[in-house]
Amino acid sequence: MESVVQEARQIRDSLQMRGFSARNLLRERFRMLAGMVNPLVRGLITEAPIRAGALEMRGFRARPRRGLIDPVEDSPAEIWLRRGVLALAVLQPVFLLLWR
């Protein structure tokens, strides 16, 4: 988790060096947030197999035998959260065009 926070800080700092500011208007904060989401999510997706392998080697499993035959079931809240994140990802280019 600490590496994710550190990566978010690096992205924020690089955006500030490019002229984005999070201290001014709400619109500027949204522009900066939109600029941070894409690289941060890409980094998390890229590192996901590495993190999963490390956790599995340490023995972090919900059940003794886990595989494709035994899928993880999501709660209704997780399903709606996933749908919301997907909707935000789809609408991100629209937001970027509107905030310019």
PDB file of N, CA and C in Angstrom:
ATOM      1  N   MET A   1       0.825  -1.192   0.000  1.00  0.00           N
ATOM      2  CA  MET A   1       0.000   0.000   0.000  1.00  0.00           C
ATOM      3  C   MET A   1       0.870   1.257   0.000  1.00  0.00           C
ATOM      4  N   GLU A   2       1.989   1.149   0.664  1.00  0.00           N
ATOM      5  CA  GLU A   2       2.883   2.308   0.728  1.00  0.00           C
ATOM      6  C   GLU A   2       3.427   2.658  -0.651  1.00  0.00           C
ATOM      7  N   SER A   3       3.689   1.644  -1.482  1.00  0.00           N
ATOM      8  CA  SER A   3       4.197   1.929  -2.823  1.00  0.00           C
ATOM      9  C   SER A   3       3.143   2.624  -3.680  1.00  0.00           C
ATOM     10  N   VAL A   4       1.860   2.314  -3.450  1.00  0.00           N
ATOM     11  CA  VAL A   4       0.783   2.975  -4.191  1.00  0.00           C
ATOM     12  C   VAL A   4       0.712   4.448  -3.795  1.00  0.00           C
ATOM     13  N   VAL A   5       0.829   4.723  -2.510  1.00  0.00           N
ATOM     14  CA  VAL A   5       0.810   6.105  -2.033  1.00  0.00           C
ATOM     15  C   VAL A   5       2.010   6.864  -2.591  1.00  0.00           C
ATOM     16  N   GLN A   6       3.153   6.219  -2.598  1.00  0.00           N
ATOM     17  CA  GLN A   6       4.352   6.857  -3.125  1.00  0.00           C
ATOM     18  C   GLN A   6       4.205   7.137  -4.627  1.00  0.00           C
ATOM     19  N   GLU A   7       3.626   6.183  -5.359  1.00  0.00           N
ATOM     20  CA  GLU A   7       3.429   6.396  -6.792  1.00  0.00           C
ATOM     21  C   GLU A   7       2.434   7.535  -7.052  1.00  0.00           C
ATOM     22  N   ALA A   8       1.375   7.616  -6.244  1.00  0.00           N
ATOM     23  CA  ALA A   8       0.401   8.701  -6.387  1.00  0.00           C
ATOM     24  C   ALA A   8       1.067  10.049  -6.119  1.00  0.00           C
ATOM     25  N   ARG A   9       1.947  10.101  -5.144  1.00  0.00           N
ATOM     26  CA  ARG A   9       2.668  11.349  -4.859  1.00  0.00           C
ATOM     27  C   ARG A   9       3.564  11.754  -6.021  1.00  0.00           C
ATOM     28  N   GLN A  10       4.246  10.763  -6.616  1.00  0.00           N
ATOM     29  CA  GLN A  10       5.112  11.063  -7.750  1.00  0.00           C
ATOM     30  C   GLN A  10       4.309  11.580  -8.940  1.00  0.00           C
ATOM     31  N   ILE A  11       3.154  10.974  -9.189  1.00  0.00           N
ATOM     32  CA  ILE A  11       2.300  11.427 -10.290  1.00  0.00           C
ATOM     33  C   ILE A  11       1.800  12.839 -10.013  1.00  0.00           C
ATOM     34  N   ARG A  12       1.375  13.092  -8.769  1.00  0.00           N
ATOM     35  CA  ARG A  12       0.897  14.430  -8.400  1.00  0.00           C
ATOM     36  C   ARG A  12       1.997  15.468  -8.576  1.00  0.00           C
ATOM     37  N   ASP A  13       3.207  15.130  -8.130  1.00  0.00           N
ATOM     38  CA  ASP A  13       4.323  16.063  -8.264  1.00  0.00           C
ATOM     39  C   ASP A  13       4.652  16.343  -9.726  1.00  0.00           C
ATOM     40  N   SER A  14       4.601  15.294 -10.563  1.00  0.00           N
ATOM     41  CA  SER A  14       4.898  15.514 -11.975  1.00  0.00           C
ATOM     42  C   SER A  14       3.828  16.370 -12.643  1.00  0.00           C
ATOM     43  N   LEU A  15       2.564  16.195 -12.237  1.00  0.00           N
ATOM     44  CA  LEU A  15       1.498  17.033 -12.777  1.00  0.00           C
ATOM     45  C   LEU A  15       1.652  18.486 -12.322  1.00  0.00           C
ATOM     46  N   GLN A  16       2.068  18.677 -11.082  1.00  0.00           N
ATOM     47  CA  GLN A  16       2.284  20.042 -10.592  1.00  0.00           C
ATOM     48  C   GLN A  16       3.434  20.711 -11.331  1.00  0.00           C
ATOM     49  N   MET A  17       4.451  19.950 -11.689  1.00  0.00           N
ATOM     50  CA  MET A  17       5.563  20.516 -12.448  1.00  0.00           C
ATOM     51  C   MET A  17       5.121  20.899 -13.860  1.00  0.00           C
ATOM     52  N   ARG A  18       4.062  20.253 -14.351  1.00  0.00           N
ATOM     53  CA  ARG A  18       3.540  20.573 -15.685  1.00  0.00           C
ATOM     54  C   ARG A  18       2.502  21.687 -15.647  1.00  0.00           C
ATOM     55  N   GLY A  19       2.252  22.239 -14.469  1.00  0.00           N
ATOM     56  CA  GLY A  19       1.361  23.387 -14.387  1.00  0.00           C
ATOM     57  C   GLY A  19       0.009  23.127 -13.763  1.00  0.00           C
ATOM     58  N   PHE A  20      -0.295  21.883 -13.424  1.00  0.00           N
ATOM     59  CA  PHE A  20      -1.559  21.594 -12.743  1.00  0.00           C
ATOM     60  C   PHE A  20      -1.434  21.975 -11.277  1.00  0.00           C
ATOM     61  N   SER A  21      -2.500  22.511 -10.723  1.00  0.00           N
ATOM     62  CA  SER A  21      -2.483  22.919  -9.326  1.00  0.00           C
ATOM     63  C   SER A  21      -3.713  22.364  -8.627  1.00  0.00           C
ATOM     64  N   ALA A  22      -3.516  21.852  -7.424  1.00  0.00           N
ATOM     65  CA  ALA A  22      -4.634  21.315  -6.650  1.00  0.00           C
ATOM     66  C   ALA A  22      -5.048  22.277  -5.548  1.00  0.00           C
ATOM     67  N   ARG A  23      -4.511  23.464  -5.551  1.00  0.00           N
ATOM     68  CA  ARG A  23      -4.816  24.400  -4.474  1.00  0.00           C
ATOM     69  C   ARG A  23      -5.833  25.458  -4.876  1.00  0.00           C
ATOM     70  N   ASN A  24      -6.151  25.531  -6.143  1.00  0.00           N
ATOM     71  CA  ASN A  24      -7.024  26.600  -6.615  1.00  0.00           C
ATOM     72  C   ASN A  24      -8.480  26.160  -6.700  1.00  0.00           C
ATOM     73  N   LEU A  25      -9.061  26.300  -7.825  1.00  0.00           N
ATOM     74  CA  LEU A  25     -10.470  26.032  -8.039  1.00  0.00           C
ATOM     75  C   LEU A  25     -10.780  24.542  -8.016  1.00  0.00           C
ATOM     76  N   LEU A  26     -12.038  24.243  -7.791  1.00  0.00           N
ATOM     77  CA  LEU A  26     -12.491  22.861  -7.797  1.00  0.00           C
ATOM     78  C   LEU A  26     -12.285  22.236  -9.176  1.00  0.00           C
ATOM     79  N   ARG A  27     -12.464  23.039 -10.203  1.00  0.00           N
ATOM     80  CA  ARG A  27     -12.274  22.560 -11.568  1.00  0.00           C
ATOM     81  C   ARG A  27     -10.831  22.105 -11.777  1.00  0.00           C
ATOM     82  N   GLU A  28      -9.890  22.857 -11.255  1.00  0.00           N
ATOM     83  CA  GLU A  28      -8.478  22.486 -11.378  1.00  0.00           C
ATOM     84  C   GLU A  28      -8.180  21.194 -10.626  1.00  0.00           C
ATOM     85  N   ARG A  29      -8.813  21.010  -9.499  1.00  0.00           N
ATOM     86  CA  ARG A  29      -8.609  19.769  -8.742  1.00  0.00           C
ATOM     87  C   ARG A  29      -9.131  18.570  -9.517  1.00  0.00           C
ATOM     88  N   PHE A  30     -10.280  18.721 -10.174  1.00  0.00           N
ATOM     89  CA  PHE A  30     -10.817  17.633 -10.973  1.00  0.00           C
ATOM     90  C   PHE A  30      -9.921  17.336 -12.175  1.00  0.00           C
ATOM     91  N   ARG A  31      -9.368  18.361 -12.784  1.00  0.00           N
ATOM     92  CA  ARG A  31      -8.455  18.143 -13.903  1.00  0.00           C
ATOM     93  C   ARG A  31      -7.218  17.377 -13.440  1.00  0.00           C
ATOM     94  N   MET A  32      -6.718  17.738 -12.272  1.00  0.00           N
ATOM     95  CA  MET A  32      -5.548  17.059 -11.747  1.00  0.00           C
ATOM     96  C   MET A  32      -5.890  15.608 -11.385  1.00  0.00           C
ATOM     97  N   LEU A  33      -7.058  15.405 -10.790  1.00  0.00           N
ATOM     98  CA  LEU A  33      -7.484  14.060 -10.442  1.00  0.00           C
ATOM     99  C   LEU A  33      -7.641  13.203 -11.693  1.00  0.00           C
ATOM    100  N   ALA A  34      -8.234  13.772 -12.735  1.00  0.00           N
ATOM    101  CA  ALA A  34      -8.386  13.045 -13.994  1.00  0.00           C
ATOM    102  C   ALA A  34      -7.030  12.680 -14.580  1.00  0.00           C
ATOM    103  N   GLY A  35      -6.061  13.547 -14.418  1.00  0.00           N
ATOM    104  CA  GLY A  35      -4.718  13.270 -14.910  1.00  0.00           C
ATOM    105  C   GLY A  35      -3.973  12.244 -14.082  1.00  0.00           C
ATOM    106  N   MET A  36      -4.384  12.075 -12.829  1.00  0.00           N
ATOM    107  CA  MET A  36      -3.721  11.115 -11.941  1.00  0.00           C
ATOM    108  C   MET A  36      -4.288   9.713 -12.064  1.00  0.00           C
ATOM    109  N   VAL A  37      -5.560   9.600 -12.379  1.00  0.00           N
ATOM    110  CA  VAL A  37      -6.229   8.299 -12.342  1.00  0.00           C
ATOM    111  C   VAL A  37      -5.628   7.336 -13.359  1.00  0.00           C
ATOM    112  N   ASN A  38      -5.462   7.769 -14.581  1.00  0.00           N
ATOM    113  CA  ASN A  38      -5.008   6.872 -15.631  1.00  0.00           C
ATOM    114  C   ASN A  38      -3.635   6.260 -15.343  1.00  0.00           C
ATOM    115  N   PRO A  39      -2.593   7.038 -15.059  1.00  0.00           N
ATOM    116  CA  PRO A  39      -1.296   6.406 -14.790  1.00  0.00           C
ATOM    117  C   PRO A  39      -1.288   5.571 -13.516  1.00  0.00           C
ATOM    118  N   LEU A  40      -2.065   5.984 -12.524  1.00  0.00           N
ATOM    119  CA  LEU A  40      -2.094   5.225 -11.283  1.00  0.00           C
ATOM    120  C   LEU A  40      -2.760   3.873 -11.492  1.00  0.00           C
ATOM    121  N   VAL A  41      -3.868   3.841 -12.201  1.00  0.00           N
ATOM    122  CA  VAL A  41      -4.561   2.571 -12.460  1.00  0.00           C
ATOM    123  C   VAL A  41      -3.713   1.675 -13.355  1.00  0.00           C
ATOM    124  N   ARG A  42      -3.066   2.254 -14.354  1.00  0.00           N
ATOM    125  CA  ARG A  42      -2.178   1.459 -15.204  1.00  0.00           C
ATOM    126  C   ARG A  42      -1.066   0.813 -14.399  1.00  0.00           C
ATOM    127  N   GLY A  43      -0.487   1.576 -13.490  1.00  0.00           N
ATOM    128  CA  GLY A  43       0.573   1.021 -12.649  1.00  0.00           C
ATOM    129  C   GLY A  43       0.070  -0.094 -11.750  1.00  0.00           C
ATOM    130  N   LEU A  44      -1.136   0.077 -11.195  1.00  0.00           N
ATOM    131  CA  LEU A  44      -1.702  -0.966 -10.338  1.00  0.00           C
ATOM    132  C   LEU A  44      -2.001  -2.229 -11.128  1.00  0.00           C
ATOM    133  N   ILE A  45      -2.526  -2.073 -12.341  1.00  0.00           N
ATOM    134  CA  ILE A  45      -2.822  -3.243 -13.163  1.00  0.00           C
ATOM    135  C   ILE A  45      -1.535  -3.945 -13.575  1.00  0.00           C
ATOM    136  N   THR A  46      -0.515  -3.181 -13.877  1.00  0.00           N
ATOM    137  CA  THR A  46       0.760  -3.765 -14.273  1.00  0.00           C
ATOM    138  C   THR A  46       1.391  -4.545 -13.127  1.00  0.00           C
ATOM    139  N   GLU A  47       1.282  -4.022 -11.917  1.00  0.00           N
ATOM    140  CA  GLU A  47       1.896  -4.672 -10.759  1.00  0.00           C
ATOM    141  C   GLU A  47       1.008  -5.722 -10.104  1.00  0.00           C
ATOM    142  N   ALA A  48      -0.213  -5.883 -10.532  1.00  0.00           N
ATOM    143  CA  ALA A  48      -1.142  -6.820  -9.891  1.00  0.00           C
ATOM    144  C   ALA A  48      -0.634  -8.261  -9.880  1.00  0.00           C
ATOM    145  N   PRO A  49      -0.133  -8.806 -10.990  1.00  0.00           N
ATOM    146  CA  PRO A  49       0.363 -10.193 -10.927  1.00  0.00           C
ATOM    147  C   PRO A  49       1.545 -10.359  -9.971  1.00  0.00           C
ATOM    148  N   ILE A  50       2.391  -9.354  -9.900  1.00  0.00           N
ATOM    149  CA  ILE A  50       3.543  -9.432  -9.002  1.00  0.00           C
ATOM    150  C   ILE A  50       3.075  -9.446  -7.549  1.00  0.00           C
ATOM    151  N   ARG A  51       2.131  -8.554  -7.228  1.00  0.00           N
ATOM    152  CA  ARG A  51       1.605  -8.508  -5.867  1.00  0.00           C
ATOM    153  C   ARG A  51       0.848  -9.781  -5.519  1.00  0.00           C
ATOM    154  N   ALA A  52       0.072 -10.300  -6.461  1.00  0.00           N
ATOM    155  CA  ALA A  52      -0.692 -11.528  -6.215  1.00  0.00           C
ATOM    156  C   ALA A  52       0.244 -12.703  -5.967  1.00  0.00           C
ATOM    157  N   GLY A  53       1.303 -12.782  -6.751  1.00  0.00           N
ATOM    158  CA  GLY A  53       2.273 -13.859  -6.545  1.00  0.00           C
ATOM    159  C   GLY A  53       2.951 -13.762  -5.193  1.00  0.00           C
ATOM    160  N   ALA A  54       3.287 -12.546  -4.781  1.00  0.00           N
ATOM    161  CA  ALA A  54       3.928 -12.375  -3.470  1.00  0.00           C
ATOM    162  C   ALA A  54       2.983 -12.769  -2.339  1.00  0.00           C
ATOM    163  N   LEU A  55       1.712 -12.371  -2.456  1.00  0.00           N
ATOM    164  CA  LEU A  55       0.748 -12.725  -1.416  1.00  0.00           C
ATOM    165  C   LEU A  55       0.502 -14.229  -1.382  1.00  0.00           C
ATOM    166  N   GLU A  56       0.458 -14.862  -2.547  1.00  0.00           N
ATOM    167  CA  GLU A  56       0.218 -16.297  -2.577  1.00  0.00           C
ATOM    168  C   GLU A  56       1.392 -17.072  -1.992  1.00  0.00           C
ATOM    169  N   MET A  57       2.608 -16.584  -2.251  1.00  0.00           N
ATOM    170  CA  MET A  57       3.778 -17.256  -1.672  1.00  0.00           C
ATOM    171  C   MET A  57       3.800 -17.136  -0.157  1.00  0.00           C
ATOM    172  N   ARG A  58       3.240 -16.057   0.351  1.00  0.00           N
ATOM    173  CA  ARG A  58       3.186 -15.883   1.802  1.00  0.00           C
ATOM    174  C   ARG A  58       2.042 -16.673   2.431  1.00  0.00           C
ATOM    175  N   GLY A  59       1.178 -17.230   1.604  1.00  0.00           N
ATOM    176  CA  GLY A  59       0.105 -18.070   2.130  1.00  0.00           C
ATOM    177  C   GLY A  59      -1.181 -17.325   2.414  1.00  0.00           C
ATOM    178  N   PHE A  60      -1.391 -16.156   1.841  1.00  0.00           N
ATOM    179  CA  PHE A  60      -2.625 -15.414   2.052  1.00  0.00           C
ATOM    180  C   PHE A  60      -3.689 -15.952   1.111  1.00  0.00           C
ATOM    181  N   ARG A  61      -4.501 -16.830   1.635  1.00  0.00           N
ATOM    182  CA  ARG A  61      -5.597 -17.386   0.853  1.00  0.00           C
ATOM    183  C   ARG A  61      -6.838 -17.414   1.722  1.00  0.00           C
ATOM    184  N   ALA A  62      -7.963 -17.242   1.079  1.00  0.00           N
ATOM    185  CA  ALA A  62      -9.221 -17.266   1.828  1.00  0.00           C
ATOM    186  C   ALA A  62      -9.605 -18.687   2.204  1.00  0.00           C
ATOM    187  N   ARG A  63      -9.294 -19.632   1.339  1.00  0.00           N
ATOM    188  CA  ARG A  63      -9.637 -21.034   1.579  1.00  0.00           C
ATOM    189  C   ARG A  63      -8.408 -21.877   1.292  1.00  0.00           C
ATOM    190  N   PRO A  64      -8.366 -23.077   1.840  1.00  0.00           N
ATOM    191  CA  PRO A  64      -7.175 -23.907   1.600  1.00  0.00           C
ATOM    192  C   PRO A  64      -6.933 -24.219   0.126  1.00  0.00           C
ATOM    193  N   ARG A  65      -8.016 -24.508  -0.613  1.00  0.00           N
ATOM    194  CA  ARG A  65      -7.865 -24.800  -2.041  1.00  0.00           C
ATOM    195  C   ARG A  65      -8.652 -23.762  -2.820  1.00  0.00           C
ATOM    196  N   ARG A  66      -7.940 -23.050  -3.619  1.00  0.00           N
ATOM    197  CA  ARG A  66      -8.586 -21.986  -4.381  1.00  0.00           C
ATOM    198  C   ARG A  66      -8.111 -22.047  -5.821  1.00  0.00           C
ATOM    199  N   GLY A  67      -9.024 -21.995  -6.719  1.00  0.00           N
ATOM    200  CA  GLY A  67      -8.670 -22.028  -8.121  1.00  0.00           C
ATOM    201  C   GLY A  67      -9.832 -21.556  -8.964  1.00  0.00           C
ATOM    202  N   LEU A  68      -9.768 -21.851 -10.246  1.00  0.00           N
ATOM    203  CA  LEU A  68     -10.825 -21.434 -11.145  1.00  0.00           C
ATOM    204  C   LEU A  68     -12.135 -22.168 -10.873  1.00  0.00           C
ATOM    205  N   ILE A  69     -12.055 -23.365 -10.303  1.00  0.00           N
ATOM    206  CA  ILE A  69     -13.266 -24.124  -9.995  1.00  0.00           C
ATOM    207  C   ILE A  69     -13.986 -23.515  -8.798  1.00  0.00           C
ATOM    208  N   ASP A  70     -13.257 -22.831  -7.947  1.00  0.00           N
ATOM    209  CA  ASP A  70     -13.811 -22.246  -6.732  1.00  0.00           C
ATOM    210  C   ASP A  70     -13.726 -20.721  -6.819  1.00  0.00           C
ATOM    211  N   PRO A  71     -14.599 -20.058  -7.622  1.00  0.00           N
ATOM    212  CA  PRO A  71     -14.479 -18.609  -7.809  1.00  0.00           C
ATOM    213  C   PRO A  71     -14.898 -17.823  -6.568  1.00  0.00           C
ATOM    214  N   VAL A  72     -14.367 -16.607  -6.471  1.00  0.00           N
ATOM    215  CA  VAL A  72     -14.706 -15.705  -5.382  1.00  0.00           C
ATOM    216  C   VAL A  72     -16.017 -15.016  -5.742  1.00  0.00           C
ATOM    217  N   GLU A  73     -16.955 -14.970  -4.807  1.00  0.00           N
ATOM    218  CA  GLU A  73     -18.237 -14.326  -5.055  1.00  0.00           C
ATOM    219  C   GLU A  73     -18.202 -12.908  -4.506  1.00  0.00           C
ATOM    220  N   ASP A  74     -18.699 -11.968  -5.293  1.00  0.00           N
ATOM    221  CA  ASP A  74     -18.719 -10.570  -4.895  1.00  0.00           C
ATOM    222  C   ASP A  74     -20.019 -10.240  -4.177  1.00  0.00           C
ATOM    223  N   SER A  75     -19.921  -9.317  -3.231  1.00  0.00           N
ATOM    224  CA  SER A  75     -21.117  -8.826  -2.561  1.00  0.00           C
ATOM    225  C   SER A  75     -21.815  -7.831  -3.485  1.00  0.00           C
ATOM    226  N   PRO A  76     -23.083  -7.515  -3.234  1.00  0.00           N
ATOM    227  CA  PRO A  76     -23.772  -6.523  -4.072  1.00  0.00           C
ATOM    228  C   PRO A  76     -23.062  -5.160  -4.082  1.00  0.00           C
ATOM    229  N   ALA A  77     -22.497  -4.765  -2.942  1.00  0.00           N
ATOM    230  CA  ALA A  77     -21.777  -3.486  -2.888  1.00  0.00           C
ATOM    231  C   ALA A  77     -20.554  -3.512  -3.804  1.00  0.00           C
ATOM    232  N   GLU A  78     -19.841  -4.633  -3.848  1.00  0.00           N
ATOM    233  CA  GLU A  78     -18.673  -4.743  -4.711  1.00  0.00           C
ATOM    234  C   GLU A  78     -19.064  -4.715  -6.188  1.00  0.00           C
ATOM    235  N   ILE A  79     -20.190  -5.319  -6.503  1.00  0.00           N
ATOM    236  CA  ILE A  79     -20.666  -5.303  -7.882  1.00  0.00           C
ATOM    237  C   ILE A  79     -20.986  -3.879  -8.316  1.00  0.00           C
ATOM    238  N   TRP A  80     -21.680  -3.124  -7.465  1.00  0.00           N
ATOM    239  CA  TRP A  80     -22.021  -1.731  -7.804  1.00  0.00           C
ATOM    240  C   TRP A  80     -20.778  -0.860  -7.853  1.00  0.00           C
ATOM    241  N   LEU A  81     -19.827  -1.113  -6.950  1.00  0.00           N
ATOM    242  CA  LEU A  81     -18.578  -0.353  -6.980  1.00  0.00           C
ATOM    243  C   LEU A  81     -17.830  -0.612  -8.285  1.00  0.00           C
ATOM    244  N   ARG A  82     -17.762  -1.874  -8.708  1.00  0.00           N
ATOM    245  CA  ARG A  82     -17.099  -2.214  -9.962  1.00  0.00           C
ATOM    246  C   ARG A  82     -17.783  -1.525 -11.140  1.00  0.00           C
ATOM    247  N   ARG A  83     -19.106  -1.527 -11.145  1.00  0.00           N
ATOM    248  CA  ARG A  83     -19.846  -0.854 -12.218  1.00  0.00           C
ATOM    249  C   ARG A  83     -19.574   0.649 -12.223  1.00  0.00           C
ATOM    250  N   GLY A  84     -19.510   1.256 -11.028  1.00  0.00           N
ATOM    251  CA  GLY A  84     -19.231   2.687 -10.940  1.00  0.00           C
ATOM    252  C   GLY A  84     -17.844   3.040 -11.435  1.00  0.00           C
ATOM    253  N   VAL A  85     -16.855   2.227 -11.064  1.00  0.00           N
ATOM    254  CA  VAL A  85     -15.484   2.467 -11.514  1.00  0.00           C
ATOM    255  C   VAL A  85     -15.388   2.284 -13.027  1.00  0.00           C
ATOM    256  N   LEU A  86     -16.086   1.292 -13.560  1.00  0.00           N
ATOM    257  CA  LEU A  86     -16.096   1.088 -15.004  1.00  0.00           C
ATOM    258  C   LEU A  86     -16.746   2.273 -15.716  1.00  0.00           C
ATOM    259  N   ALA A  87     -17.845   2.777 -15.151  1.00  0.00           N
ATOM    260  CA  ALA A  87     -18.512   3.942 -15.750  1.00  0.00           C
ATOM    261  C   ALA A  87     -17.588   5.164 -15.724  1.00  0.00           C
ATOM    262  N   LEU A  88     -16.866   5.370 -14.621  1.00  0.00           N
ATOM    263  CA  LEU A  88     -15.921   6.488 -14.550  1.00  0.00           C
ATOM    264  C   LEU A  88     -14.796   6.338 -15.566  1.00  0.00           C
ATOM    265  N   ALA A  89     -14.331   5.107 -15.747  1.00  0.00           N
ATOM    266  CA  ALA A  89     -13.260   4.869 -16.718  1.00  0.00           C
ATOM    267  C   ALA A  89     -13.735   5.154 -18.135  1.00  0.00           C
ATOM    268  N   VAL A  90     -14.976   4.795 -18.426  1.00  0.00           N
ATOM    269  CA  VAL A  90     -15.519   5.042 -19.764  1.00  0.00           C
ATOM    270  C   VAL A  90     -15.758   6.535 -19.977  1.00  0.00           C
ATOM    271  N   LEU A  91     -16.194   7.231 -18.937  1.00  0.00           N
ATOM    272  CA  LEU A  91     -16.520   8.643 -19.061  1.00  0.00           C
ATOM    273  C   LEU A  91     -15.312   9.570 -18.898  1.00  0.00           C
ATOM    274  N   GLN A  92     -14.155   9.030 -18.532  1.00  0.00           N
ATOM    275  CA  GLN A  92     -12.982   9.864 -18.310  1.00  0.00           C
ATOM    276  C   GLN A  92     -12.596  10.692 -19.536  1.00  0.00           C
ATOM    277  N   PRO A  93     -12.583  10.135 -20.745  1.00  0.00           N
ATOM    278  CA  PRO A  93     -12.254  10.998 -21.902  1.00  0.00           C
ATOM    279  C   PRO A  93     -13.249  12.140 -22.090  1.00  0.00           C
ATOM    280  N   VAL A  94     -14.505  11.887 -21.783  1.00  0.00           N
ATOM    281  CA  VAL A  94     -15.515  12.945 -21.903  1.00  0.00           C
ATOM    282  C   VAL A  94     -15.222  14.049 -20.893  1.00  0.00           C
ATOM    283  N   PHE A  95     -14.909  13.673 -19.660  1.00  0.00           N
ATOM    284  CA  PHE A  95     -14.591  14.669 -18.651  1.00  0.00           C
ATOM    285  C   PHE A  95     -13.367  15.481 -19.035  1.00  0.00           C
ATOM    286  N   LEU A  96     -12.362  14.812 -19.598  1.00  0.00           N
ATOM    287  CA  LEU A  96     -11.142  15.523 -20.000  1.00  0.00           C
ATOM    288  C   LEU A  96     -11.445  16.528 -21.104  1.00  0.00           C
ATOM    289  N   LEU A  97     -12.324  16.175 -22.021  1.00  0.00           N
ATOM    290  CA  LEU A  97     -12.677  17.116 -23.083  1.00  0.00           C
ATOM    291  C   LEU A  97     -13.491  18.290 -22.561  1.00  0.00           C
ATOM    292  N   LEU A  98     -14.370  18.030 -21.595  1.00  0.00           N
ATOM    293  CA  LEU A  98     -15.212  19.098 -21.052  1.00  0.00           C
ATOM    294  C   LEU A  98     -14.433  20.062 -20.166  1.00  0.00           C
ATOM    295  N   TRP A  99     -13.411  19.598 -19.491  1.00  0.00           N
ATOM    296  CA  TRP A  99     -12.688  20.441 -18.530  1.00  0.00           C
ATOM    297  C   TRP A  99     -11.563  21.233 -19.174  1.00  0.00           C
ATOM    298  N   ARG A 100     -11.389  21.117 -20.463  1.00  0.00           N
ATOM    299  CA  ARG A 100     -10.303  21.861 -21.124  1.00  0.00           C
ATOM    300  C   ARG A 100     -10.701  23.260 -21.409  1.00  0.00           C
TER     301      ARG A 100
END
